[in-house]
């Protein structure tokens, strides 16, 4: 879907934004785990199931292929782990594509 060419500067911006979003999402997950109520033995398996689901979700979203990054960034902005301002320096066509994904 993405046939964009990425300049060296854009690659640096993309990598930093990707890493920032991943760190934010990881911290949010850690917070969620800390708040998880483990009161009954079955709560352990509930937590395990939640973590497995989140792992799949995160692995599906965080795809650092340049052909996928505009989609990834649109999703991450929509989910609140990144802001469009953190992508300043990307070309207008990339930002436009990201905006389209955000608005889906």
PDB file of N, CA and C in Angstrom:
ATOM      1  N   UNK A   1       0.819  -1.194   0.000  1.00  0.00           N
ATOM      2  CA  UNK A   1       0.000   0.000   0.000  1.00  0.00           C
ATOM      3  C   UNK A   1       0.864   1.260   0.000  1.00  0.00           C
ATOM      4  N   UNK A   2       1.951   1.248   0.721  1.00  0.00           N
ATOM      5  CA  UNK A   2       2.800   2.417   0.889  1.00  0.00           C
ATOM      6  C   UNK A   2       3.980   2.335  -0.062  1.00  0.00           C
ATOM      7  N   UNK A   3       4.007   3.229  -1.031  1.00  0.00           N
ATOM      8  CA  UNK A   3       5.103   3.245  -2.000  1.00  0.00           C
ATOM      9  C   UNK A   3       5.986   4.459  -1.780  1.00  0.00           C
ATOM     10  N   UNK A   4       6.003   4.978  -0.575  1.00  0.00           N
ATOM     11  CA  UNK A   4       6.774   6.173  -0.272  1.00  0.00           C
ATOM     12  C   UNK A   4       8.258   5.858  -0.176  1.00  0.00           C
ATOM     13  N   UNK A   5       9.051   6.841  -0.563  1.00  0.00           N
ATOM     14  CA  UNK A   5      10.486   6.785  -0.305  1.00  0.00           C
ATOM     15  C   UNK A   5      10.731   7.541   0.996  1.00  0.00           C
ATOM     16  N   UNK A   6      11.573   6.988   1.828  1.00  0.00           N
ATOM     17  CA  UNK A   6      11.868   7.584   3.125  1.00  0.00           C
ATOM     18  C   UNK A   6      13.296   8.125   3.109  1.00  0.00           C
ATOM     19  N   UNK A   7      13.436   9.426   3.370  1.00  0.00           N
ATOM     20  CA  UNK A   7      14.760  10.032   3.452  1.00  0.00           C
ATOM     21  C   UNK A   7      15.430   9.584   4.751  1.00  0.00           C
ATOM     22  N   UNK A   8      16.711   9.837   4.840  1.00  0.00           N
ATOM     23  CA  UNK A   8      17.445   9.487   6.057  1.00  0.00           C
ATOM     24  C   UNK A   8      16.869  10.220   7.274  1.00  0.00           C
ATOM     25  N   UNK A   9      16.542  11.497   7.088  1.00  0.00           N
ATOM     26  CA  UNK A   9      15.958  12.286   8.182  1.00  0.00           C
ATOM     27  C   UNK A   9      14.595  11.732   8.585  1.00  0.00           C
ATOM     28  N   UNK A  10      13.783  11.342   7.602  1.00  0.00           N
ATOM     29  CA  UNK A  10      12.466  10.776   7.901  1.00  0.00           C
ATOM     30  C   UNK A  10      12.593   9.434   8.610  1.00  0.00           C
ATOM     31  N   UNK A  11      13.561   8.657   8.228  1.00  0.00           N
ATOM     32  CA  UNK A  11      13.779   7.368   8.900  1.00  0.00           C
ATOM     33  C   UNK A  11      14.119   7.581  10.370  1.00  0.00           C
ATOM     34  N   UNK A  12      14.905   8.604  10.651  1.00  0.00           N
ATOM     35  CA  UNK A  12      15.263   8.904  12.041  1.00  0.00           C
ATOM     36  C   UNK A  12      14.026   9.335  12.825  1.00  0.00           C
ATOM     37  N   UNK A  13      13.215  10.221  12.243  1.00  0.00           N
ATOM     38  CA  UNK A  13      11.978  10.678  12.886  1.00  0.00           C
ATOM     39  C   UNK A  13      11.055   9.488  13.137  1.00  0.00           C
ATOM     40  N   UNK A  14      10.920   8.626  12.129  1.00  0.00           N
ATOM     41  CA  UNK A  14      10.037   7.467  12.233  1.00  0.00           C
ATOM     42  C   UNK A  14      10.500   6.524  13.342  1.00  0.00           C
ATOM     43  N   UNK A  15      11.782   6.256  13.411  1.00  0.00           N
ATOM     44  CA  UNK A  15      12.313   5.341  14.427  1.00  0.00           C
ATOM     45  C   UNK A  15      12.079   5.896  15.831  1.00  0.00           C
ATOM     46  N   UNK A  16      12.352   7.183  16.000  1.00  0.00           N
ATOM     47  CA  UNK A  16      12.149   7.801  17.315  1.00  0.00           C
ATOM     48  C   UNK A  16      10.670   7.762  17.714  1.00  0.00           C
ATOM     49  N   UNK A  17       9.783   8.088  16.787  1.00  0.00           N
ATOM     50  CA  UNK A  17       8.349   8.079  17.076  1.00  0.00           C
ATOM     51  C   UNK A  17       7.864   6.667  17.388  1.00  0.00           C
ATOM     52  N   UNK A  18       8.316   5.702  16.612  1.00  0.00           N
ATOM     53  CA  UNK A  18       7.948   4.304  16.817  1.00  0.00           C
ATOM     54  C   UNK A  18       8.369   3.852  18.217  1.00  0.00           C
ATOM     55  N   UNK A  19       9.610   4.148  18.583  1.00  0.00           N
ATOM     56  CA  UNK A  19      10.130   3.748  19.895  1.00  0.00           C
ATOM     57  C   UNK A  19       9.391   4.442  21.035  1.00  0.00           C
ATOM     58  N   UNK A  20       9.075   5.726  20.861  1.00  0.00           N
ATOM     59  CA  UNK A  20       8.330   6.471  21.878  1.00  0.00           C
ATOM     60  C   UNK A  20       6.965   5.841  22.102  1.00  0.00           C
ATOM     61  N   UNK A  21       6.273   5.556  21.017  1.00  0.00           N
ATOM     62  CA  UNK A  21       4.934   4.961  21.131  1.00  0.00           C
ATOM     63  C   UNK A  21       4.997   3.596  21.806  1.00  0.00           C
ATOM     64  N   UNK A  22       5.994   2.795  21.429  1.00  0.00           N
ATOM     65  CA  UNK A  22       6.133   1.468  22.029  1.00  0.00           C
ATOM     66  C   UNK A  22       6.390   1.582  23.539  1.00  0.00           C
ATOM     67  N   UNK A  23       7.232   2.521  23.922  1.00  0.00           N
ATOM     68  CA  UNK A  23       7.515   2.720  25.345  1.00  0.00           C
ATOM     69  C   UNK A  23       6.261   3.168  26.092  1.00  0.00           C
ATOM     70  N   UNK A  24       5.498   4.058  25.492  1.00  0.00           N
ATOM     71  CA  UNK A  24       4.264   4.523  26.133  1.00  0.00           C
ATOM     72  C   UNK A  24       3.267   3.388  26.295  1.00  0.00           C
ATOM     73  N   UNK A  25       3.126   2.601  25.245  1.00  0.00           N
ATOM     74  CA  UNK A  25       2.178   1.486  25.329  1.00  0.00           C
ATOM     75  C   UNK A  25       2.655   0.455  26.353  1.00  0.00           C
ATOM     76  N   UNK A  26       3.941   0.200  26.385  1.00  0.00           N
ATOM     77  CA  UNK A  26       4.489  -0.748  27.368  1.00  0.00           C
ATOM     78  C   UNK A  26       4.255  -0.255  28.786  1.00  0.00           C
ATOM     79  N   UNK A  27       4.482   1.035  29.018  1.00  0.00           N
ATOM     80  CA  UNK A  27       4.246   1.600  30.357  1.00  0.00           C
ATOM     81  C   UNK A  27       2.772   1.528  30.732  1.00  0.00           C
ATOM     82  N   UNK A  28       1.890   1.764  29.765  1.00  0.00           N
ATOM     83  CA  UNK A  28       0.456   1.659  30.035  1.00  0.00           C
ATOM     84  C   UNK A  28       0.080   0.228  30.401  1.00  0.00           C
ATOM     85  N   UNK A  29       0.677  -0.733  29.731  1.00  0.00           N
ATOM     86  CA  UNK A  29       0.409  -2.136  30.034  1.00  0.00           C
ATOM     87  C   UNK A  29       0.933  -2.500  31.424  1.00  0.00           C
ATOM     88  N   UNK A  30       2.111  -2.028  31.755  1.00  0.00           N
ATOM     89  CA  UNK A  30       2.670  -2.287  33.087  1.00  0.00           C
ATOM     90  C   UNK A  30       1.746  -1.711  34.157  1.00  0.00           C
ATOM     91  N   UNK A  31       1.251  -0.496  33.922  1.00  0.00           N
ATOM     92  CA  UNK A  31       0.322   0.118  34.878  1.00  0.00           C
ATOM     93  C   UNK A  31      -0.939  -0.718  35.004  1.00  0.00           C
ATOM     94  N   UNK A  32      -1.452  -1.188  33.868  1.00  0.00           N
ATOM     95  CA  UNK A  32      -2.659  -2.016  33.877  1.00  0.00           C
ATOM     96  C   UNK A  32      -2.429  -3.312  34.658  1.00  0.00           C
ATOM     97  N   UNK A  33      -1.266  -3.910  34.493  1.00  0.00           N
ATOM     98  CA  UNK A  33      -0.937  -5.146  35.205  1.00  0.00           C
ATOM     99  C   UNK A  33      -0.874  -4.887  36.710  1.00  0.00           C
ATOM    100  N   UNK A  34      -0.258  -3.774  37.092  1.00  0.00           N
ATOM    101  CA  UNK A  34      -0.145  -3.446  38.516  1.00  0.00           C
ATOM    102  C   UNK A  34      -1.509  -3.233  39.161  1.00  0.00           C
ATOM    103  N   UNK A  35      -2.450  -2.735  38.381  1.00  0.00           N
ATOM    104  CA  UNK A  35      -3.788  -2.472  38.904  1.00  0.00           C
ATOM    105  C   UNK A  35      -4.695  -3.694  38.818  1.00  0.00           C
ATOM    106  N   UNK A  36      -4.223  -4.732  38.182  1.00  0.00           N
ATOM    107  CA  UNK A  36      -5.029  -5.941  37.997  1.00  0.00           C
ATOM    108  C   UNK A  36      -5.265  -6.599  39.352  1.00  0.00           C
ATOM    109  N   UNK A  37      -6.490  -6.914  39.627  1.00  0.00           N
ATOM    110  CA  UNK A  37      -6.854  -7.515  40.921  1.00  0.00           C
ATOM    111  C   UNK A  37      -6.691  -9.031  40.860  1.00  0.00           C
ATOM    112  N   UNK A  38      -5.733  -9.528  41.609  1.00  0.00           N
ATOM    113  CA  UNK A  38      -5.518 -10.972  41.717  1.00  0.00           C
ATOM    114  C   UNK A  38      -5.998 -11.402  43.099  1.00  0.00           C
ATOM    115  N   UNK A  39      -7.254 -11.804  43.148  1.00  0.00           N
ATOM    116  CA  UNK A  39      -7.847 -12.179  44.421  1.00  0.00           C
ATOM    117  C   UNK A  39      -8.183 -13.663  44.486  1.00  0.00           C
ATOM    118  N   UNK A  40      -8.493 -14.234  43.342  1.00  0.00           N
ATOM    119  CA  UNK A  40      -8.862 -15.640  43.268  1.00  0.00           C
ATOM    120  C   UNK A  40      -7.876 -16.356  42.337  1.00  0.00           C
ATOM    121  N   UNK A  41      -7.697 -17.669  42.532  1.00  0.00           N
ATOM    122  CA  UNK A  41      -6.785 -18.397  41.651  1.00  0.00           C
ATOM    123  C   UNK A  41      -7.116 -18.234  40.161  1.00  0.00           C
ATOM    124  N   UNK A  42      -8.402 -18.178  39.839  1.00  0.00           N
ATOM    125  CA  UNK A  42      -8.772 -18.041  38.420  1.00  0.00           C
ATOM    126  C   UNK A  42      -8.385 -16.670  37.853  1.00  0.00           C
ATOM    127  N   UNK A  43      -8.135 -15.693  38.728  1.00  0.00           N
ATOM    128  CA  UNK A  43      -7.696 -14.378  38.269  1.00  0.00           C
ATOM    129  C   UNK A  43      -6.327 -14.448  37.591  1.00  0.00           C
ATOM    130  N   UNK A  44      -5.524 -15.417  38.010  1.00  0.00           N
ATOM    131  CA  UNK A  44      -4.209 -15.612  37.382  1.00  0.00           C
ATOM    132  C   UNK A  44      -4.389 -15.935  35.912  1.00  0.00           C
ATOM    133  N   UNK A  45      -5.323 -16.804  35.603  1.00  0.00           N
ATOM    134  CA  UNK A  45      -5.527 -17.221  34.216  1.00  0.00           C
ATOM    135  C   UNK A  45      -6.187 -16.115  33.410  1.00  0.00           C
ATOM    136  N   UNK A  46      -7.005 -15.329  34.065  1.00  0.00           N
ATOM    137  CA  UNK A  46      -7.609 -14.175  33.409  1.00  0.00           C
ATOM    138  C   UNK A  46      -6.524 -13.168  33.009  1.00  0.00           C
ATOM    139  N   UNK A  47      -5.581 -12.938  33.925  1.00  0.00           N
ATOM    140  CA  UNK A  47      -4.456 -12.047  33.628  1.00  0.00           C
ATOM    141  C   UNK A  47      -3.618 -12.609  32.482  1.00  0.00           C
ATOM    142  N   UNK A  48      -3.366 -13.902  32.541  1.00  0.00           N
ATOM    143  CA  UNK A  48      -2.584 -14.550  31.483  1.00  0.00           C
ATOM    144  C   UNK A  48      -3.262 -14.399  30.127  1.00  0.00           C
ATOM    145  N   UNK A  49      -4.565 -14.590  30.107  1.00  0.00           N
ATOM    146  CA  UNK A  49      -5.322 -14.457  28.859  1.00  0.00           C
ATOM    147  C   UNK A  49      -5.260 -13.019  28.327  1.00  0.00           C
ATOM    148  N   UNK A  50      -5.420 -12.058  29.233  1.00  0.00           N
ATOM    149  CA  UNK A  50      -5.347 -10.653  28.842  1.00  0.00           C
ATOM    150  C   UNK A  50      -3.974 -10.341  28.251  1.00  0.00           C
ATOM    151  N   UNK A  51      -2.925 -10.841  28.880  1.00  0.00           N
ATOM    152  CA  UNK A  51      -1.572 -10.582  28.385  1.00  0.00           C
ATOM    153  C   UNK A  51      -1.334 -11.217  27.020  1.00  0.00           C
ATOM    154  N   UNK A  52      -1.857 -12.405  26.819  1.00  0.00           N
ATOM    155  CA  UNK A  52      -1.722 -13.051  25.509  1.00  0.00           C
ATOM    156  C   UNK A  52      -2.431 -12.247  24.424  1.00  0.00           C
ATOM    157  N   UNK A  53      -3.622 -11.749  24.748  1.00  0.00           N
ATOM    158  CA  UNK A  53      -4.374 -10.938  23.791  1.00  0.00           C
ATOM    159  C   UNK A  53      -3.630  -9.640  23.478  1.00  0.00           C
ATOM    160  N   UNK A  54      -3.110  -8.998  24.496  1.00  0.00           N
ATOM    161  CA  UNK A  54      -2.376  -7.745  24.301  1.00  0.00           C
ATOM    162  C   UNK A  54      -1.101  -7.982  23.503  1.00  0.00           C
ATOM    163  N   UNK A  55      -0.423  -9.112  23.754  1.00  0.00           N
ATOM    164  CA  UNK A  55       0.786  -9.431  22.996  1.00  0.00           C
ATOM    165  C   UNK A  55       0.464  -9.546  21.507  1.00  0.00           C
ATOM    166  N   UNK A  56      -0.604 -10.247  21.178  1.00  0.00           N
ATOM    167  CA  UNK A  56      -1.012 -10.378  19.771  1.00  0.00           C
ATOM    168  C   UNK A  56      -1.330  -9.013  19.169  1.00  0.00           C
ATOM    169  N   UNK A  57      -2.080  -8.229  19.916  1.00  0.00           N
ATOM    170  CA  UNK A  57      -2.468  -6.887  19.449  1.00  0.00           C
ATOM    171  C   UNK A  57      -1.232  -6.028  19.191  1.00  0.00           C
ATOM    172  N   UNK A  58      -0.330  -5.991  20.140  1.00  0.00           N
ATOM    173  CA  UNK A  58       0.884  -5.183  20.012  1.00  0.00           C
ATOM    174  C   UNK A  58       1.749  -5.689  18.863  1.00  0.00           C
ATOM    175  N   UNK A  59       1.909  -6.984  18.750  1.00  0.00           N
ATOM    176  CA  UNK A  59       2.715  -7.541  17.657  1.00  0.00           C
ATOM    177  C   UNK A  59       2.107  -7.242  16.294  1.00  0.00           C
ATOM    178  N   UNK A  60       0.781  -7.176  16.223  1.00  0.00           N
ATOM    179  CA  UNK A  60       0.122  -6.862  14.953  1.00  0.00           C
ATOM    180  C   UNK A  60       0.265  -5.392  14.581  1.00  0.00           C
ATOM    181  N   UNK A  61       0.330  -4.525  15.564  1.00  0.00           N
ATOM    182  CA  UNK A  61       0.408  -3.090  15.293  1.00  0.00           C
ATOM    183  C   UNK A  61       1.843  -2.637  15.032  1.00  0.00           C
ATOM    184  N   UNK A  62       2.772  -3.042  15.865  1.00  0.00           N
ATOM    185  CA  UNK A  62       4.140  -2.530  15.794  1.00  0.00           C
ATOM    186  C   UNK A  62       4.935  -3.264  14.717  1.00  0.00           C
ATOM    187  N   UNK A  63       4.746  -2.813  13.498  1.00  0.00           N
ATOM    188  CA  UNK A  63       5.386  -3.394  12.322  1.00  0.00           C
ATOM    189  C   UNK A  63       6.303  -2.330  11.727  1.00  0.00           C
ATOM    190  N   UNK A  64       7.607  -2.459  11.976  1.00  0.00           N
ATOM    191  CA  UNK A  64       8.539  -1.420  11.522  1.00  0.00           C
ATOM    192  C   UNK A  64       9.078  -1.738  10.126  1.00  0.00           C
ATOM    193  N   UNK A  65       8.163  -1.836   9.188  1.00  0.00           N
ATOM    194  CA  UNK A  65       8.545  -1.882   7.778  1.00  0.00           C
ATOM    195  C   UNK A  65       8.098  -0.553   7.197  1.00  0.00           C
ATOM    196  N   UNK A  66       8.961   0.044   6.418  1.00  0.00           N
ATOM    197  CA  UNK A  66       8.626   1.355   5.872  1.00  0.00           C
ATOM    198  C   UNK A  66       7.339   1.322   5.068  1.00  0.00           C
ATOM    199  N   UNK A  67       7.037   0.195   4.471  1.00  0.00           N
ATOM    200  CA  UNK A  67       5.800   0.071   3.694  1.00  0.00           C
ATOM    201  C   UNK A  67       4.558   0.102   4.582  1.00  0.00           C
ATOM    202  N   UNK A  68       4.735  -0.062   5.886  1.00  0.00           N
ATOM    203  CA  UNK A  68       3.604  -0.119   6.819  1.00  0.00           C
ATOM    204  C   UNK A  68       3.545   1.060   7.787  1.00  0.00           C
ATOM    205  N   UNK A  69       4.590   1.854   7.836  1.00  0.00           N
ATOM    206  CA  UNK A  69       4.696   2.857   8.901  1.00  0.00           C
ATOM    207  C   UNK A  69       3.589   3.909   8.898  1.00  0.00           C
ATOM    208  N   UNK A  70       3.122   4.338   7.747  1.00  0.00           N
ATOM    209  CA  UNK A  70       2.058   5.343   7.772  1.00  0.00           C
ATOM    210  C   UNK A  70       0.794   4.754   8.410  1.00  0.00           C
ATOM    211  N   UNK A  71       0.538   3.490   8.154  1.00  0.00           N
ATOM    212  CA  UNK A  71      -0.603   2.803   8.774  1.00  0.00           C
ATOM    213  C   UNK A  71      -0.374   2.673  10.279  1.00  0.00           C
ATOM    214  N   UNK A  72       0.808   2.222  10.644  1.00  0.00           N
ATOM    215  CA  UNK A  72       1.159   2.044  12.060  1.00  0.00           C
ATOM    216  C   UNK A  72       1.018   3.371  12.800  1.00  0.00           C
ATOM    217  N   UNK A  73       1.560   4.438  12.240  1.00  0.00           N
ATOM    218  CA  UNK A  73       1.485   5.731  12.920  1.00  0.00           C
ATOM    219  C   UNK A  73       0.045   6.220  13.040  1.00  0.00           C
ATOM    220  N   UNK A  74      -0.756   6.021  12.017  1.00  0.00           N
ATOM    221  CA  UNK A  74      -2.162   6.401  12.092  1.00  0.00           C
ATOM    222  C   UNK A  74      -2.874   5.675  13.222  1.00  0.00           C
ATOM    223  N   UNK A  75      -2.616   4.391  13.347  1.00  0.00           N
ATOM    224  CA  UNK A  75      -3.223   3.584  14.414  1.00  0.00           C
ATOM    225  C   UNK A  75      -2.734   4.042  15.784  1.00  0.00           C
ATOM    226  N   UNK A  76      -1.438   4.283  15.904  1.00  0.00           N
ATOM    227  CA  UNK A  76      -0.868   4.678  17.195  1.00  0.00           C
ATOM    228  C   UNK A  76      -1.382   6.038  17.648  1.00  0.00           C
ATOM    229  N   UNK A  77      -1.573   6.943  16.707  1.00  0.00           N
ATOM    230  CA  UNK A  77      -2.135   8.254  17.053  1.00  0.00           C
ATOM    231  C   UNK A  77      -3.585   8.069  17.499  1.00  0.00           C
ATOM    232  N   UNK A  78      -4.317   7.291  16.747  1.00  0.00           N
ATOM    233  CA  UNK A  78      -5.725   7.035  17.073  1.00  0.00           C
ATOM    234  C   UNK A  78      -5.867   6.391  18.459  1.00  0.00           C
ATOM    235  N   UNK A  79      -4.913   5.542  18.823  1.00  0.00           N
ATOM    236  CA  UNK A  79      -4.959   4.846  20.117  1.00  0.00           C
ATOM    237  C   UNK A  79      -4.382   5.697  21.251  1.00  0.00           C
ATOM    238  N   UNK A  80      -3.796   6.858  20.916  1.00  0.00           N
ATOM    239  CA  UNK A  80      -3.311   7.778  21.939  1.00  0.00           C
ATOM    240  C   UNK A  80      -1.882   7.569  22.396  1.00  0.00           C
ATOM    241  N   UNK A  81      -1.107   6.777  21.690  1.00  0.00           N
ATOM    242  CA  UNK A  81       0.271   6.533  22.095  1.00  0.00           C
ATOM    243  C   UNK A  81       1.283   7.376  21.322  1.00  0.00           C
ATOM    244  N   UNK A  82       0.776   8.203  20.417  1.00  0.00           N
ATOM    245  CA  UNK A  82       1.626   9.060  19.604  1.00  0.00           C
ATOM    246  C   UNK A  82       0.798  10.264  19.200  1.00  0.00           C
ATOM    247  N   UNK A  83       1.460  11.381  18.935  1.00  0.00           N
ATOM    248  CA  UNK A  83       0.741  12.551  18.419  1.00  0.00           C
ATOM    249  C   UNK A  83       1.293  12.888  17.041  1.00  0.00           C
ATOM    250  N   UNK A  84       0.478  13.514  16.248  1.00  0.00           N
ATOM    251  CA  UNK A  84       0.890  13.900  14.901  1.00  0.00           C
ATOM    252  C   UNK A  84       2.081  14.853  14.968  1.00  0.00           C
ATOM    253  N   UNK A  85       2.155  15.663  16.012  1.00  0.00           N
ATOM    254  CA  UNK A  85       3.267  16.604  16.168  1.00  0.00           C
ATOM    255  C   UNK A  85       4.609  15.896  16.298  1.00  0.00           C
ATOM    256  N   UNK A  86       4.595  14.677  16.805  1.00  0.00           N
ATOM    257  CA  UNK A  86       5.841  13.928  16.953  1.00  0.00           C
ATOM    258  C   UNK A  86       6.353  13.398  15.619  1.00  0.00           C
ATOM    259  N   UNK A  87       5.573  13.604  14.575  1.00  0.00           N
ATOM    260  CA  UNK A  87       5.974  13.174  13.241  1.00  0.00           C
ATOM    261  C   UNK A  87       6.361  14.353  12.360  1.00  0.00           C
ATOM    262  N   UNK A  88       6.514  15.535  12.968  1.00  0.00           N
ATOM    263  CA  UNK A  88       6.951  16.698  12.210  1.00  0.00           C
ATOM    264  C   UNK A  88       8.261  16.393  11.512  1.00  0.00           C
ATOM    265  N   UNK A  89       8.322  16.740  10.239  1.00  0.00           N
ATOM    266  CA  UNK A  89       9.508  16.466   9.447  1.00  0.00           C
ATOM    267  C   UNK A  89       9.263  15.407   8.395  1.00  0.00           C
ATOM    268  N   UNK A  90       8.163  14.652   8.552  1.00  0.00           N
ATOM    269  CA  UNK A  90       7.788  13.705   7.501  1.00  0.00           C
ATOM    270  C   UNK A  90       7.175  14.495   6.351  1.00  0.00           C
ATOM    271  N   UNK A  91       7.259  13.964   5.168  1.00  0.00           N
ATOM    272  CA  UNK A  91       6.729  14.650   3.995  1.00  0.00           C
ATOM    273  C   UNK A  91       5.214  14.794   4.087  1.00  0.00           C
ATOM    274  N   UNK A  92       4.700  15.776   3.363  1.00  0.00           N
ATOM    275  CA  UNK A  92       3.257  16.040   3.377  1.00  0.00           C
ATOM    276  C   UNK A  92       2.455  14.829   2.923  1.00  0.00           C
ATOM    277  N   UNK A  93       2.952  14.089   1.929  1.00  0.00           N
ATOM    278  CA  UNK A  93       2.194  12.930   1.445  1.00  0.00           C
ATOM    279  C   UNK A  93       2.113  11.837   2.507  1.00  0.00           C
ATOM    280  N   UNK A  94       3.150  11.663   3.293  1.00  0.00           N
ATOM    281  CA  UNK A  94       3.119  10.678   4.384  1.00  0.00           C
ATOM    282  C   UNK A  94       2.151  11.132   5.479  1.00  0.00           C
ATOM    283  N   UNK A  95       2.239  12.410   5.833  1.00  0.00           N
ATOM    284  CA  UNK A  95       1.342  12.942   6.869  1.00  0.00           C
ATOM    285  C   UNK A  95      -0.109  12.868   6.424  1.00  0.00           C
ATOM    286  N   UNK A  96      -0.354  13.103   5.153  1.00  0.00           N
ATOM    287  CA  UNK A  96      -1.713  12.991   4.623  1.00  0.00           C
ATOM    288  C   UNK A  96      -2.224  11.556   4.727  1.00  0.00           C
ATOM    289  N   UNK A  97      -1.377  10.591   4.402  1.00  0.00           N
ATOM    290  CA  UNK A  97      -1.754   9.191   4.507  1.00  0.00           C
ATOM    291  C   UNK A  97      -2.031   8.810   5.975  1.00  0.00           C
ATOM    292  N   UNK A  98      -1.204   9.294   6.883  1.00  0.00           N
ATOM    293  CA  UNK A  98      -1.390   9.044   8.312  1.00  0.00           C
ATOM    294  C   UNK A  98      -2.730   9.619   8.760  1.00  0.00           C
ATOM    295  N   UNK A  99      -3.044  10.841   8.319  1.00  0.00           N
ATOM    296  CA  UNK A  99      -4.325  11.481   8.672  1.00  0.00           C
ATOM    297  C   UNK A  99      -5.495  10.628   8.181  1.00  0.00           C
ATOM    298  N   UNK A 100      -5.390  10.061   6.994  1.00  0.00           N
ATOM    299  CA  UNK A 100      -6.461   9.213   6.467  1.00  0.00           C
ATOM    300  C   UNK A 100      -6.691   7.995   7.362  1.00  0.00           C
ATOM    301  N   UNK A 101      -5.603   7.391   7.802  1.00  0.00           N
ATOM    302  CA  UNK A 101      -5.699   6.214   8.682  1.00  0.00           C
ATOM    303  C   UNK A 101      -6.321   6.625  10.015  1.00  0.00           C
ATOM    304  N   UNK A 102      -5.907   7.768  10.535  1.00  0.00           N
ATOM    305  CA  UNK A 102      -6.439   8.247  11.814  1.00  0.00           C
ATOM    306  C   UNK A 102      -7.954   8.442  11.747  1.00  0.00           C
ATOM    307  N   UNK A 103      -8.436   8.835  10.595  1.00  0.00           N
ATOM    308  CA  UNK A 103      -9.850   9.170  10.449  1.00  0.00           C
ATOM    309  C   UNK A 103     -10.730   7.984  10.091  1.00  0.00           C
ATOM    310  N   UNK A 104     -10.162   6.812   9.980  1.00  0.00           N
ATOM    311  CA  UNK A 104     -10.981   5.632   9.672  1.00  0.00           C
ATOM    312  C   UNK A 104     -11.817   5.218  10.861  1.00  0.00           C
TER     313      UNK A 104
END
